[in-house]
Amino acid sequence: MRIAIISPYSCGPMRGNIITVRRIASFLGAAGVETIILPADAMSVADMECRLESFAPDIIHAFHAGYCGEPACTLAERFGVPSVITITGSDINEPLFRERVGIHRSMAMAAAIVCFDDLVAAEVAEFFPETTGRIIVIPQGVVPLPVTPDAGCNIPEDAFMLLLPAALREVKNIGFPLRALAPLVRKSHNLLLVIAGGVIDQEYADSIREMLAAAPFASWIGEVPHEQMGALYARADVVLNCSHNEGMSNSLLEAMSLARPVLAVDIPGNRSLVHDNETGWLYRDEAGFRELVTRIMGDATLRAEVGRRAGEYVQSNFSPQIEADRYIELYTVLLKKGHSNK
């Protein structure tokens, strides 16, 4: 079986979509599936077509409906093979994407639409009624990162560290914890916010740097190589997600897989992972965020117990091997049914 994967990104700061595509391609390969990754940020549709002439794909799989759905369906139509679109989060949550005519066309043409959880599947069915009967839920998998020696951030031993793994772009809402934590720092001088991620939006990054200049309790350490992030997760007392919207956060999955307690904004993508007061905590506003941070800081036993439950939950429900097996099952069904984009 030969699967052509169209990925939205291949370079620049690390993003969840890059991690997802690399993981799935790796586990598909381990299962005997031949894959090729075609990055939409580095290749034109004509370039992709040239590569696919010799590869002869059985299925063309797009990760991100907005950036990759149309190229995938165009190429699938030319090669007479099925196309699959995986909804990654920034596509369904971005009105500019989901309202485009081209996206509705590709969603209508795709042989299957994959969502990470039932909440996103319901949204897809609402926004794209033409996908009825072709939506399948395949949860993301996660590979626990190695806990290597300290990643170079030199966190003081007595600091209560909140880690926000996020590239600097507006959707990650990095200004929120900078504003929300300021009142707590006056009472808890050992509180430290560490932001880890590269720059995607330069203008937004500049605004965050201005906020950091007035927030001595916080530091931005830039992009940390993905293979070194395990050390940061392991050192963190709590891992944050403050995004305006998410699909299924790779950073939360990675933190939880290492039994780290997580505190996340109460949005659909996060609710698919974080069960409030069981596998982590969900907040709705600044007051609720501060209340939870104060509670979590004061109870090491609670942090350890919630982290343990988070680790067990992720290890039991988000296996990368099962994720790959589910995709192989989907591909097999589509090929047997003879679905194509003709």
C-alpha atoms as a PDB file:
ATOM      1  CA  MET A   1       0.000   0.000   0.000  1.00  0.00           C
ATOM      2  CA  ARG A   2       1.388   3.410  -0.977  1.00  0.00           C
ATOM      3  CA  ILE A   3       0.090   6.533   0.755  1.00  0.00           C
ATOM      4  CA  ALA A   4       0.949  10.078  -0.317  1.00  0.00           C
ATOM      5  CA  ILE A   5       0.660  12.473   2.617  1.00  0.00           C
ATOM      6  CA  ILE A   6       0.242  16.173   1.912  1.00  0.00           C
ATOM      7  CA  SER A   7       1.475  18.142   4.908  1.00  0.00           C
ATOM      8  CA  PRO A   8       0.833  21.857   5.433  1.00  0.00           C
ATOM      9  CA  TYR A   9       4.290  22.578   6.866  1.00  0.00           C
ATOM     10  CA  SER A  10       7.781  21.170   6.624  1.00  0.00           C
ATOM     11  CA  CYS A  11      10.014  23.892   8.032  1.00  0.00           C
ATOM     12  CA  GLY A  12      10.055  26.796  10.427  1.00  0.00           C
ATOM     13  CA  PRO A  13       9.049  26.590  14.091  1.00  0.00           C
ATOM     14  CA  MET A  14       7.744  23.229  15.259  1.00  0.00           C
ATOM     15  CA  ARG A  15       3.953  22.904  14.987  1.00  0.00           C
ATOM     16  CA  GLY A  16       1.506  20.230  15.962  1.00  0.00           C
ATOM     17  CA  ASN A  17       0.801  19.399  12.324  1.00  0.00           C
ATOM     18  CA  ILE A  18       4.468  18.616  11.673  1.00  0.00           C
ATOM     19  CA  ILE A  19       4.623  16.331  14.712  1.00  0.00           C
ATOM     20  CA  THR A  20       1.398  14.582  13.709  1.00  0.00           C
ATOM     21  CA  VAL A  21       2.441  13.902  10.117  1.00  0.00           C
ATOM     22  CA  ARG A  22       5.899  12.653  11.090  1.00  0.00           C
ATOM     23  CA  ARG A  23       4.479  10.329  13.750  1.00  0.00           C
ATOM     24  CA  ILE A  24       1.821   8.832  11.500  1.00  0.00           C
ATOM     25  CA  ALA A  25       4.223   8.362   8.582  1.00  0.00           C
ATOM     26  CA  SER A  26       6.691   6.646  10.913  1.00  0.00           C
ATOM     27  CA  PHE A  27       4.170   4.194  12.348  1.00  0.00           C
ATOM     28  CA  LEU A  28       2.617   3.519   8.952  1.00  0.00           C
ATOM     29  CA  GLY A  29       6.087   2.729   7.673  1.00  0.00           C
ATOM     30  CA  ALA A  30       6.738   0.377  10.588  1.00  0.00           C
ATOM     31  CA  ALA A  31       3.531  -1.451   9.615  1.00  0.00           C
ATOM     32  CA  GLY A  32       4.775  -1.967   6.079  1.00  0.00           C
ATOM     33  CA  VAL A  33       2.979   0.944   4.398  1.00  0.00           C
ATOM     34  CA  GLU A  34       5.067   2.949   1.949  1.00  0.00           C
ATOM     35  CA  THR A  35       4.611   6.682   2.439  1.00  0.00           C
ATOM     36  CA  ILE A  36       5.771   9.892   0.833  1.00  0.00           C
ATOM     37  CA  ILE A  37       5.348  13.330   2.459  1.00  0.00           C
ATOM     38  CA  LEU A  38       4.646  16.257   0.149  1.00  0.00           C
ATOM     39  CA  PRO A  39       4.901  19.597   2.008  1.00  0.00           C
ATOM     40  CA  ALA A  40       2.466  22.230   0.755  1.00  0.00           C
ATOM     41  CA  ASP A  41       4.717  25.038   2.003  1.00  0.00           C
ATOM     42  CA  ALA A  42       7.594  23.903  -0.209  1.00  0.00           C
ATOM     43  CA  MET A  43       5.994  22.283  -3.268  1.00  0.00           C
ATOM     44  CA  SER A  44       3.511  23.374  -5.905  1.00  0.00           C
ATOM     45  CA  VAL A  45       0.750  21.033  -7.048  1.00  0.00           C
ATOM     46  CA  ALA A  46       2.768  20.515 -10.265  1.00  0.00           C
ATOM     47  CA  ASP A  47       5.836  19.543  -8.203  1.00  0.00           C
ATOM     48  CA  MET A  48       3.720  17.090  -6.213  1.00  0.00           C
ATOM     49  CA  GLU A  49       2.315  15.578  -9.394  1.00  0.00           C
ATOM     50  CA  CYS A  50       5.828  14.962 -10.732  1.00  0.00           C
ATOM     51  CA  ARG A  51       6.822  13.178  -7.530  1.00  0.00           C
ATOM     52  CA  LEU A  52       3.663  11.083  -7.579  1.00  0.00           C
ATOM     53  CA  GLU A  53       4.178   9.904 -11.163  1.00  0.00           C
ATOM     54  CA  SER A  54       6.898   7.523 -10.008  1.00  0.00           C
ATOM     55  CA  PHE A  55       5.416   6.866  -6.549  1.00  0.00           C
ATOM     56  CA  ALA A  56       2.019   5.748  -7.946  1.00  0.00           C
ATOM     57  CA  PRO A  57      -0.074   6.343  -4.805  1.00  0.00           C
ATOM     58  CA  ASP A  58      -3.014   4.205  -3.785  1.00  0.00           C
ATOM     59  CA  ILE A  59      -4.448   7.010  -1.646  1.00  0.00           C
ATOM     60  CA  ILE A  60      -3.675  10.703  -1.223  1.00  0.00           C
ATOM     61  CA  HIS A  61      -4.085  11.918   2.355  1.00  0.00           C
ATOM     62  CA  ALA A  62      -4.302  15.615   3.299  1.00  0.00           C
ATOM     63  CA  PHE A  63      -3.585  16.823   6.811  1.00  0.00           C
ATOM     64  CA  HIS A  64      -5.408  20.186   7.115  1.00  0.00           C
ATOM     65  CA  ALA A  65      -8.480  20.843   4.996  1.00  0.00           C
ATOM     66  CA  GLY A  66      -7.602  24.484   4.382  1.00  0.00           C
ATOM     67  CA  TYR A  67      -4.026  24.176   3.194  1.00  0.00           C
ATOM     68  CA  CYS A  68      -3.996  20.642   1.808  1.00  0.00           C
ATOM     69  CA  GLY A  69      -7.539  19.549   0.965  1.00  0.00           C
ATOM     70  CA  GLU A  70      -7.723  21.143  -2.468  1.00  0.00           C
ATOM     71  CA  PRO A  71      -4.282  19.927  -3.677  1.00  0.00           C
ATOM     72  CA  ALA A  72      -5.051  16.428  -2.378  1.00  0.00           C
ATOM     73  CA  CYS A  73      -8.389  16.212  -4.155  1.00  0.00           C
ATOM     74  CA  THR A  74      -6.987  17.707  -7.362  1.00  0.00           C
ATOM     75  CA  LEU A  75      -4.180  15.149  -7.430  1.00  0.00           C
ATOM     76  CA  ALA A  76      -6.458  12.283  -6.418  1.00  0.00           C
ATOM     77  CA  GLU A  77      -8.739  13.160  -9.321  1.00  0.00           C
ATOM     78  CA  ARG A  78      -5.794  13.153 -11.748  1.00  0.00           C
ATOM     79  CA  PHE A  79      -4.495   9.794 -10.504  1.00  0.00           C
ATOM     80  CA  GLY A  80      -7.935   8.238 -10.090  1.00  0.00           C
ATOM     81  CA  VAL A  81      -7.419   7.303  -6.433  1.00  0.00           C
ATOM     82  CA  PRO A  82      -9.289   8.108  -3.203  1.00  0.00           C
ATOM     83  CA  SER A  83      -8.462  11.156  -1.128  1.00  0.00           C
ATOM     84  CA  VAL A  84      -8.680  11.419   2.653  1.00  0.00           C
ATOM     85  CA  ILE A  85      -8.716  14.664   4.646  1.00  0.00           C
ATOM     86  CA  THR A  86      -7.736  14.793   8.316  1.00  0.00           C
ATOM     87  CA  ILE A  87      -9.121  17.808  10.176  1.00  0.00           C
ATOM     88  CA  THR A  88      -6.282  19.143  12.328  1.00  0.00           C
ATOM     89  CA  GLY A  89      -7.997  21.979  14.205  1.00  0.00           C
ATOM     90  CA  SER A  90      -6.873  25.253  12.685  1.00  0.00           C
ATOM     91  CA  ASP A  91      -8.949  24.444   9.614  1.00  0.00           C
ATOM     92  CA  ILE A  92     -12.343  23.774  11.233  1.00  0.00           C
ATOM     93  CA  ASN A  93     -11.815  26.556  13.793  1.00  0.00           C
ATOM     94  CA  GLU A  94     -10.890  29.223  11.244  1.00  0.00           C
ATOM     95  CA  PRO A  95     -13.921  30.780   9.515  1.00  0.00           C
ATOM     96  CA  LEU A  96     -11.750  32.029   6.627  1.00  0.00           C
ATOM     97  CA  PHE A  97     -10.904  28.420   5.842  1.00  0.00           C
ATOM     98  CA  ARG A  98     -14.219  26.691   6.375  1.00  0.00           C
ATOM     99  CA  GLU A  99     -16.180  29.276   4.378  1.00  0.00           C
ATOM    100  CA  ARG A 100     -14.077  28.960   1.213  1.00  0.00           C
ATOM    101  CA  VAL A 101     -15.804  27.424  -1.784  1.00  0.00           C
ATOM    102  CA  GLY A 102     -12.738  25.332  -2.568  1.00  0.00           C
ATOM    103  CA  ILE A 103     -12.793  23.702   0.849  1.00  0.00           C
ATOM    104  CA  HIS A 104     -16.445  22.761   0.490  1.00  0.00           C
ATOM    105  CA  ARG A 105     -15.591  21.242  -2.883  1.00  0.00           C
ATOM    106  CA  SER A 106     -12.702  19.183  -1.503  1.00  0.00           C
ATOM    107  CA  MET A 107     -14.719  18.091   1.548  1.00  0.00           C
ATOM    108  CA  ALA A 108     -17.451  16.916  -0.827  1.00  0.00           C
ATOM    109  CA  MET A 109     -14.953  15.041  -3.011  1.00  0.00           C
ATOM    110  CA  ALA A 110     -12.950  13.293  -0.282  1.00  0.00           C
ATOM    111  CA  ALA A 111     -13.698   9.612   0.224  1.00  0.00           C
ATOM    112  CA  ALA A 112     -13.324  10.056   4.002  1.00  0.00           C
ATOM    113  CA  ILE A 113     -12.957  12.854   6.538  1.00  0.00           C
ATOM    114  CA  VAL A 114     -10.988  12.011   9.680  1.00  0.00           C
ATOM    115  CA  CYS A 115     -11.498  13.872  12.971  1.00  0.00           C
ATOM    116  CA  PHE A 116      -9.573  13.429  16.208  1.00  0.00           C
ATOM    117  CA  ASP A 117     -12.647  13.274  18.450  1.00  0.00           C
ATOM    118  CA  ASP A 118     -16.434  13.243  18.468  1.00  0.00           C
ATOM    119  CA  LEU A 119     -16.733  16.958  19.288  1.00  0.00           C
ATOM    120  CA  VAL A 120     -14.827  17.952  16.150  1.00  0.00           C
ATOM    121  CA  ALA A 121     -16.750  15.371  14.116  1.00  0.00           C
ATOM    122  CA  ALA A 122     -20.004  17.028  15.167  1.00  0.00           C
ATOM    123  CA  GLU A 123     -18.660  20.438  14.124  1.00  0.00           C
ATOM    124  CA  VAL A 124     -17.575  19.100  10.749  1.00  0.00           C
ATOM    125  CA  ALA A 125     -21.016  17.611  10.164  1.00  0.00           C
ATOM    126  CA  GLU A 126     -22.575  20.980  11.035  1.00  0.00           C
ATOM    127  CA  PHE A 127     -20.325  23.150   8.864  1.00  0.00           C
ATOM    128  CA  PHE A 128     -20.027  20.634   6.013  1.00  0.00           C
ATOM    129  CA  PRO A 129     -23.328  18.728   5.759  1.00  0.00           C
ATOM    130  CA  GLU A 130     -22.118  17.259   2.470  1.00  0.00           C
ATOM    131  CA  THR A 131     -19.734  15.032   4.472  1.00  0.00           C
ATOM    132  CA  THR A 132     -22.554  12.997   6.053  1.00  0.00           C
ATOM    133  CA  GLY A 133     -21.658   9.327   6.173  1.00  0.00           C
ATOM    134  CA  ARG A 134     -17.959   9.888   5.425  1.00  0.00           C
ATOM    135  CA  ILE A 135     -16.712  11.151   8.805  1.00  0.00           C
ATOM    136  CA  ILE A 136     -14.589   8.802  10.917  1.00  0.00           C
ATOM    137  CA  VAL A 137     -13.020   9.478  14.330  1.00  0.00           C
ATOM    138  CA  ILE A 138      -9.398   8.411  14.830  1.00  0.00           C
ATOM    139  CA  PRO A 139      -7.826   9.820  18.013  1.00  0.00           C
ATOM    140  CA  GLN A 140      -4.281  11.084  17.802  1.00  0.00           C
ATOM    141  CA  GLY A 141      -1.481   8.976  19.160  1.00  0.00           C
ATOM    142  CA  VAL A 142       1.460  10.214  21.184  1.00  0.00           C
ATOM    143  CA  VAL A 143       5.014   8.991  21.596  1.00  0.00           C
ATOM    144  CA  PRO A 144       6.324   9.860  25.089  1.00  0.00           C
ATOM    145  CA  LEU A 145       9.381  12.039  24.703  1.00  0.00           C
ATOM    146  CA  PRO A 146      12.666  11.004  26.293  1.00  0.00           C
ATOM    147  CA  VAL A 147      13.538  12.875  29.470  1.00  0.00           C
ATOM    148  CA  THR A 148      17.041  13.969  28.587  1.00  0.00           C
ATOM    149  CA  PRO A 149      19.281  16.134  30.796  1.00  0.00           C
ATOM    150  CA  ASP A 150      18.045  19.673  31.358  1.00  0.00           C
ATOM    151  CA  ALA A 151      17.210  21.425  28.090  1.00  0.00           C
ATOM    152  CA  GLY A 152      19.323  24.462  29.009  1.00  0.00           C
ATOM    153  CA  CYS A 153      16.599  26.532  30.656  1.00  0.00           C
ATOM    154  CA  ASN A 154      18.295  26.491  34.111  1.00  0.00           C
ATOM    155  CA  ILE A 155      15.106  26.682  36.157  1.00  0.00           C
ATOM    156  CA  PRO A 156      15.799  27.411  39.852  1.00  0.00           C
ATOM    157  CA  GLU A 157      15.070  24.386  42.027  1.00  0.00           C
ATOM    158  CA  ASP A 158      12.702  26.293  44.304  1.00  0.00           C
ATOM    159  CA  ALA A 159      10.632  27.774  41.431  1.00  0.00           C
ATOM    160  CA  PHE A 160       7.053  26.652  40.864  1.00  0.00           C
ATOM    161  CA  MET A 161       7.221  26.341  37.099  1.00  0.00           C
ATOM    162  CA  LEU A 162       4.289  26.734  34.760  1.00  0.00           C
ATOM    163  CA  LEU A 163       5.245  25.705  31.231  1.00  0.00           C
ATOM    164  CA  LEU A 164       3.450  27.047  28.164  1.00  0.00           C
ATOM    165  CA  PRO A 165       4.670  25.151  25.072  1.00  0.00           C
ATOM    166  CA  ALA A 166       3.467  27.346  22.221  1.00  0.00           C
ATOM    167  CA  ALA A 167       4.837  29.006  19.126  1.00  0.00           C
ATOM    168  CA  LEU A 168       4.380  32.760  19.155  1.00  0.00           C
ATOM    169  CA  ARG A 169       1.178  33.352  17.219  1.00  0.00           C
ATOM    170  CA  GLU A 170      -2.125  34.894  18.199  1.00  0.00           C
ATOM    171  CA  VAL A 171      -4.184  31.695  18.378  1.00  0.00           C
ATOM    172  CA  LYS A 172      -2.009  30.489  21.279  1.00  0.00           C
ATOM    173  CA  ASN A 173      -3.137  33.439  23.444  1.00  0.00           C
ATOM    174  CA  ILE A 174       0.235  33.769  25.134  1.00  0.00           C
ATOM    175  CA  GLY A 175      -0.657  37.126  26.617  1.00  0.00           C
ATOM    176  CA  PHE A 176      -3.333  35.502  28.795  1.00  0.00           C
ATOM    177  CA  PRO A 177      -1.072  33.902  31.427  1.00  0.00           C
ATOM    178  CA  LEU A 178       1.157  36.977  31.461  1.00  0.00           C
ATOM    179  CA  ARG A 179      -1.850  39.078  32.478  1.00  0.00           C
ATOM    180  CA  ALA A 180      -3.557  36.508  34.684  1.00  0.00           C
ATOM    181  CA  LEU A 181      -0.523  35.524  36.749  1.00  0.00           C
ATOM    182  CA  ALA A 182       0.657  39.049  37.589  1.00  0.00           C
ATOM    183  CA  PRO A 183      -1.562  39.420  40.697  1.00  0.00           C
ATOM    184  CA  LEU A 184      -0.396  36.039  42.045  1.00  0.00           C
ATOM    185  CA  VAL A 185       3.279  36.898  41.801  1.00  0.00           C
ATOM    186  CA  ARG A 186       2.891  39.508  44.523  1.00  0.00           C
ATOM    187  CA  LYS A 187       1.973  36.685  46.921  1.00  0.00           C
ATOM    188  CA  SER A 188       4.007  33.828  45.432  1.00  0.00           C
ATOM    189  CA  HIS A 189       7.469  35.086  44.564  1.00  0.00           C
ATOM    190  CA  ASN A 190       8.724  31.657  43.441  1.00  0.00           C
ATOM    191  CA  LEU A 191       6.145  31.373  40.652  1.00  0.00           C
ATOM    192  CA  LEU A 192       7.728  31.196  37.199  1.00  0.00           C
ATOM    193  CA  LEU A 193       6.108  31.073  33.757  1.00  0.00           C
ATOM    194  CA  VAL A 194       8.266  29.582  30.991  1.00  0.00           C
ATOM    195  CA  ILE A 195       7.164  29.968  27.363  1.00  0.00           C
ATOM    196  CA  ALA A 196       8.778  27.597  24.868  1.00  0.00           C
ATOM    197  CA  GLY A 197       8.202  27.994  21.142  1.00  0.00           C
ATOM    198  CA  GLY A 198       9.467  29.611  17.975  1.00  0.00           C
ATOM    199  CA  VAL A 199       8.193  32.738  16.227  1.00  0.00           C
ATOM    200  CA  ILE A 200       5.468  32.290  13.621  1.00  0.00           C
ATOM    201  CA  ASP A 201       3.875  35.757  13.738  1.00  0.00           C
ATOM    202  CA  GLN A 202       6.584  38.407  14.082  1.00  0.00           C
ATOM    203  CA  GLU A 203       4.209  41.260  14.935  1.00  0.00           C
ATOM    204  CA  TYR A 204       2.548  39.172  17.633  1.00  0.00           C
ATOM    205  CA  ALA A 205       5.956  38.090  18.937  1.00  0.00           C
ATOM    206  CA  ASP A 206       6.947  41.739  19.287  1.00  0.00           C
ATOM    207  CA  SER A 207       3.859  42.445  21.376  1.00  0.00           C
ATOM    208  CA  ILE A 208       4.651  39.464  23.620  1.00  0.00           C
ATOM    209  CA  ARG A 209       8.216  40.672  24.085  1.00  0.00           C
ATOM    210  CA  GLU A 210       6.833  44.021  25.288  1.00  0.00           C
ATOM    211  CA  MET A 211       4.623  42.223  27.808  1.00  0.00           C
ATOM    212  CA  LEU A 212       7.570  40.097  28.970  1.00  0.00           C
ATOM    213  CA  ALA A 213       9.595  43.224  29.668  1.00  0.00           C
ATOM    214  CA  ALA A 214       7.030  44.113  32.331  1.00  0.00           C
ATOM    215  CA  ALA A 215       6.703  40.550  33.662  1.00  0.00           C
ATOM    216  CA  PRO A 216       9.873  39.503  35.527  1.00  0.00           C
ATOM    217  CA  PHE A 217       8.152  36.269  36.612  1.00  0.00           C
ATOM    218  CA  ALA A 218       8.061  35.052  33.000  1.00  0.00           C
ATOM    219  CA  SER A 219      10.626  34.083  30.405  1.00  0.00           C
ATOM    220  CA  TRP A 220      10.511  33.077  26.756  1.00  0.00           C
ATOM    221  CA  ILE A 221      13.236  30.567  25.951  1.00  0.00           C
ATOM    222  CA  GLY A 222      12.557  30.348  22.219  1.00  0.00           C
ATOM    223  CA  GLU A 223      12.161  27.134  20.301  1.00  0.00           C
ATOM    224  CA  VAL A 224      13.425  24.010  22.042  1.00  0.00           C
ATOM    225  CA  PRO A 225      14.249  21.029  19.797  1.00  0.00           C
ATOM    226  CA  HIS A 226      11.320  18.644  19.973  1.00  0.00           C
ATOM    227  CA  GLU A 227      13.455  15.752  21.222  1.00  0.00           C
ATOM    228  CA  GLN A 228      14.527  17.911  24.199  1.00  0.00           C
ATOM    229  CA  MET A 229      11.025  18.947  25.248  1.00  0.00           C
ATOM    230  CA  GLY A 230      10.731  15.933  27.555  1.00  0.00           C
ATOM    231  CA  ALA A 231      13.143  17.582  29.985  1.00  0.00           C
ATOM    232  CA  LEU A 232      10.982  20.708  30.146  1.00  0.00           C
ATOM    233  CA  TYR A 233       7.788  18.712  30.662  1.00  0.00           C
ATOM    234  CA  ALA A 234       9.472  16.706  33.415  1.00  0.00           C
ATOM    235  CA  ARG A 235      10.672  19.870  35.189  1.00  0.00           C
ATOM    236  CA  ALA A 236       7.326  21.667  34.925  1.00  0.00           C
ATOM    237  CA  ASP A 237       5.015  21.613  37.917  1.00  0.00           C
ATOM    238  CA  VAL A 238       2.075  22.354  35.600  1.00  0.00           C
ATOM    239  CA  VAL A 239       1.802  22.480  31.799  1.00  0.00           C
ATOM    240  CA  LEU A 240      -0.557  25.091  30.318  1.00  0.00           C
ATOM    241  CA  ASN A 241      -2.685  25.435  27.223  1.00  0.00           C
ATOM    242  CA  CYS A 242      -4.282  28.867  26.772  1.00  0.00           C
ATOM    243  CA  SER A 243      -5.238  28.732  23.083  1.00  0.00           C
ATOM    244  CA  HIS A 244      -8.259  30.454  21.585  1.00  0.00           C
ATOM    245  CA  ASN A 245      -8.931  27.176  19.765  1.00  0.00           C
ATOM    246  CA  GLU A 246      -7.319  23.757  19.339  1.00  0.00           C
ATOM    247  CA  GLY A 247      -7.804  20.506  17.502  1.00  0.00           C
ATOM    248  CA  MET A 248      -6.204  17.950  19.797  1.00  0.00           C
ATOM    249  CA  SER A 249      -3.137  19.523  21.359  1.00  0.00           C
ATOM    250  CA  ASN A 250       0.087  17.572  20.831  1.00  0.00           C
ATOM    251  CA  SER A 251       1.722  19.458  23.698  1.00  0.00           C
ATOM    252  CA  LEU A 252      -1.008  18.406  26.128  1.00  0.00           C
ATOM    253  CA  LEU A 253      -0.749  14.821  24.917  1.00  0.00           C
ATOM    254  CA  GLU A 254       3.025  14.886  25.352  1.00  0.00           C
ATOM    255  CA  ALA A 255       2.841  16.406  28.833  1.00  0.00           C
ATOM    256  CA  MET A 256       0.129  13.998  29.991  1.00  0.00           C
ATOM    257  CA  SER A 257       2.002  10.990  28.580  1.00  0.00           C
ATOM    258  CA  LEU A 258       4.816  11.909  30.997  1.00  0.00           C
ATOM    259  CA  ALA A 259       2.333  12.110  33.903  1.00  0.00           C
ATOM    260  CA  ARG A 260       2.513  15.898  34.139  1.00  0.00           C
ATOM    261  CA  PRO A 261      -0.519  17.775  35.490  1.00  0.00           C
ATOM    262  CA  VAL A 262      -2.072  20.116  32.933  1.00  0.00           C
ATOM    263  CA  LEU A 263      -4.199  23.248  33.205  1.00  0.00           C
ATOM    264  CA  ALA A 264      -6.028  24.158  30.009  1.00  0.00           C
ATOM    265  CA  VAL A 265      -8.615  26.621  28.772  1.00  0.00           C
ATOM    266  CA  ASP A 266     -12.104  25.143  28.522  1.00  0.00           C
ATOM    267  CA  ILE A 267     -12.540  24.771  24.755  1.00  0.00           C
ATOM    268  CA  PRO A 268     -13.772  21.753  22.754  1.00  0.00           C
ATOM    269  CA  GLY A 269     -10.330  20.587  21.616  1.00  0.00           C
ATOM    270  CA  ASN A 270      -9.025  20.555  25.176  1.00  0.00           C
ATOM    271  CA  ARG A 271     -12.131  18.928  26.614  1.00  0.00           C
ATOM    272  CA  SER A 272     -11.394  15.918  24.414  1.00  0.00           C
ATOM    273  CA  LEU A 273      -8.259  15.310  26.514  1.00  0.00           C
ATOM    274  CA  VAL A 274      -8.649  17.021  29.856  1.00  0.00           C
ATOM    275  CA  HIS A 275     -11.385  15.714  32.123  1.00  0.00           C
ATOM    276  CA  ASP A 276     -11.743  18.441  34.744  1.00  0.00           C
ATOM    277  CA  ASN A 277     -10.380  17.470  38.163  1.00  0.00           C
ATOM    278  CA  GLU A 278      -9.536  13.988  36.878  1.00  0.00           C
ATOM    279  CA  THR A 279      -6.824  14.124  34.200  1.00  0.00           C
ATOM    280  CA  GLY A 280      -6.160  17.845  34.578  1.00  0.00           C
ATOM    281  CA  TRP A 281      -8.022  21.086  35.090  1.00  0.00           C
ATOM    282  CA  LEU A 282     -10.053  23.376  32.834  1.00  0.00           C
ATOM    283  CA  TYR A 283     -10.487  27.114  33.369  1.00  0.00           C
ATOM    284  CA  ARG A 284     -12.835  29.630  31.775  1.00  0.00           C
ATOM    285  CA  ASP A 285     -11.542  33.064  32.807  1.00  0.00           C
ATOM    286  CA  GLU A 286      -8.705  34.831  34.606  1.00  0.00           C
ATOM    287  CA  ALA A 287     -10.271  34.504  38.048  1.00  0.00           C
ATOM    288  CA  GLY A 288     -10.814  30.780  37.582  1.00  0.00           C
ATOM    289  CA  PHE A 289      -7.289  30.384  36.234  1.00  0.00           C
ATOM    290  CA  ARG A 290      -5.746  32.120  39.265  1.00  0.00           C
ATOM    291  CA  GLU A 291      -7.906  30.123  41.663  1.00  0.00           C
ATOM    292  CA  LEU A 292      -6.768  26.857  40.109  1.00  0.00           C
ATOM    293  CA  VAL A 293      -3.087  27.873  40.005  1.00  0.00           C
ATOM    294  CA  THR A 294      -3.265  28.767  43.708  1.00  0.00           C
ATOM    295  CA  ARG A 295      -4.929  25.453  44.547  1.00  0.00           C
ATOM    296  CA  ILE A 296      -2.485  23.417  42.474  1.00  0.00           C
ATOM    297  CA  MET A 297       0.555  25.217  43.900  1.00  0.00           C
ATOM    298  CA  GLY A 298      -0.531  24.404  47.422  1.00  0.00           C
ATOM    299  CA  ASP A 299      -1.088  20.681  46.982  1.00  0.00           C
ATOM    300  CA  ALA A 300       1.811  18.571  45.720  1.00  0.00           C
ATOM    301  CA  THR A 301      -0.097  15.356  46.438  1.00  0.00           C
ATOM    302  CA  LEU A 302      -2.969  16.494  44.225  1.00  0.00           C
ATOM    303  CA  ARG A 303      -0.555  17.392  41.410  1.00  0.00           C
ATOM    304  CA  ALA A 304       1.052  13.976  41.570  1.00  0.00           C
ATOM    305  CA  GLU A 305      -2.282  12.143  41.612  1.00  0.00           C
ATOM    306  CA  VAL A 306      -3.789  14.105  38.715  1.00  0.00           C
ATOM    307  CA  GLY A 307      -0.560  13.685  36.744  1.00  0.00           C
ATOM    308  CA  ARG A 308      -0.633   9.941  37.360  1.00  0.00           C
ATOM    309  CA  ARG A 309      -4.233   9.696  36.139  1.00  0.00           C
ATOM    310  CA  ALA A 310      -3.359  11.807  33.084  1.00  0.00           C
ATOM    311  CA  GLY A 311      -0.516   9.453  32.212  1.00  0.00           C
ATOM    312  CA  GLU A 312      -2.672   6.350  32.560  1.00  0.00           C
ATOM    313  CA  TYR A 313      -5.470   7.895  30.508  1.00  0.00           C
ATOM    314  CA  VAL A 314      -3.216   8.908  27.610  1.00  0.00           C
ATOM    315  CA  GLN A 315      -1.284   5.644  27.564  1.00  0.00           C
ATOM    316  CA  SER A 316      -4.566   3.690  27.468  1.00  0.00           C
ATOM    317  CA  ASN A 317      -6.364   5.765  24.839  1.00  0.00           C
ATOM    318  CA  PHE A 318      -3.831   7.452  22.547  1.00  0.00           C
ATOM    319  CA  SER A 319      -1.556   4.730  21.230  1.00  0.00           C
ATOM    320  CA  PRO A 320       0.354   5.699  18.046  1.00  0.00           C
ATOM    321  CA  GLN A 321       0.277   2.041  16.993  1.00  0.00           C
ATOM    322  CA  ILE A 322      -3.515   1.914  17.247  1.00  0.00           C
ATOM    323  CA  GLU A 323      -3.706   5.261  15.442  1.00  0.00           C
ATOM    324  CA  ALA A 324      -1.701   3.834  12.521  1.00  0.00           C
ATOM    325  CA  ASP A 325      -3.745   0.613  12.530  1.00  0.00           C
ATOM    326  CA  ARG A 326      -6.972   2.610  12.318  1.00  0.00           C
ATOM    327  CA  TYR A 327      -5.671   4.550   9.321  1.00  0.00           C
ATOM    328  CA  ILE A 328      -4.624   1.311   7.621  1.00  0.00           C
ATOM    329  CA  GLU A 329      -8.107  -0.106   8.242  1.00  0.00           C
ATOM    330  CA  LEU A 330      -9.623   3.016   6.671  1.00  0.00           C
ATOM    331  CA  TYR A 331      -7.322   2.874   3.647  1.00  0.00           C
ATOM    332  CA  THR A 332      -8.098  -0.824   3.158  1.00  0.00           C
ATOM    333  CA  VAL A 333     -11.860  -0.240   3.271  1.00  0.00           C
ATOM    334  CA  LEU A 334     -11.642   2.610   0.752  1.00  0.00           C
ATOM    335  CA  LEU A 335      -9.536   0.580  -1.653  1.00  0.00           C
ATOM    336  CA  LYS A 336     -11.853  -2.417  -1.419  1.00  0.00           C
ATOM    337  CA  LYS A 337     -14.855  -0.223  -2.076  1.00  0.00           C
ATOM    338  CA  GLY A 338     -13.106   1.295  -5.058  1.00  0.00           C
ATOM    339  CA  HIS A 339     -13.659   4.893  -3.908  1.00  0.00           C
ATOM    340  CA  SER A 340     -11.909   7.470  -6.032  1.00  0.00           C
ATOM    341  CA  ASN A 341     -12.114  11.135  -6.895  1.00  0.00           C
ATOM    342  CA  LYS A 342     -13.058  10.475 -10.506  1.00  0.00           C
END
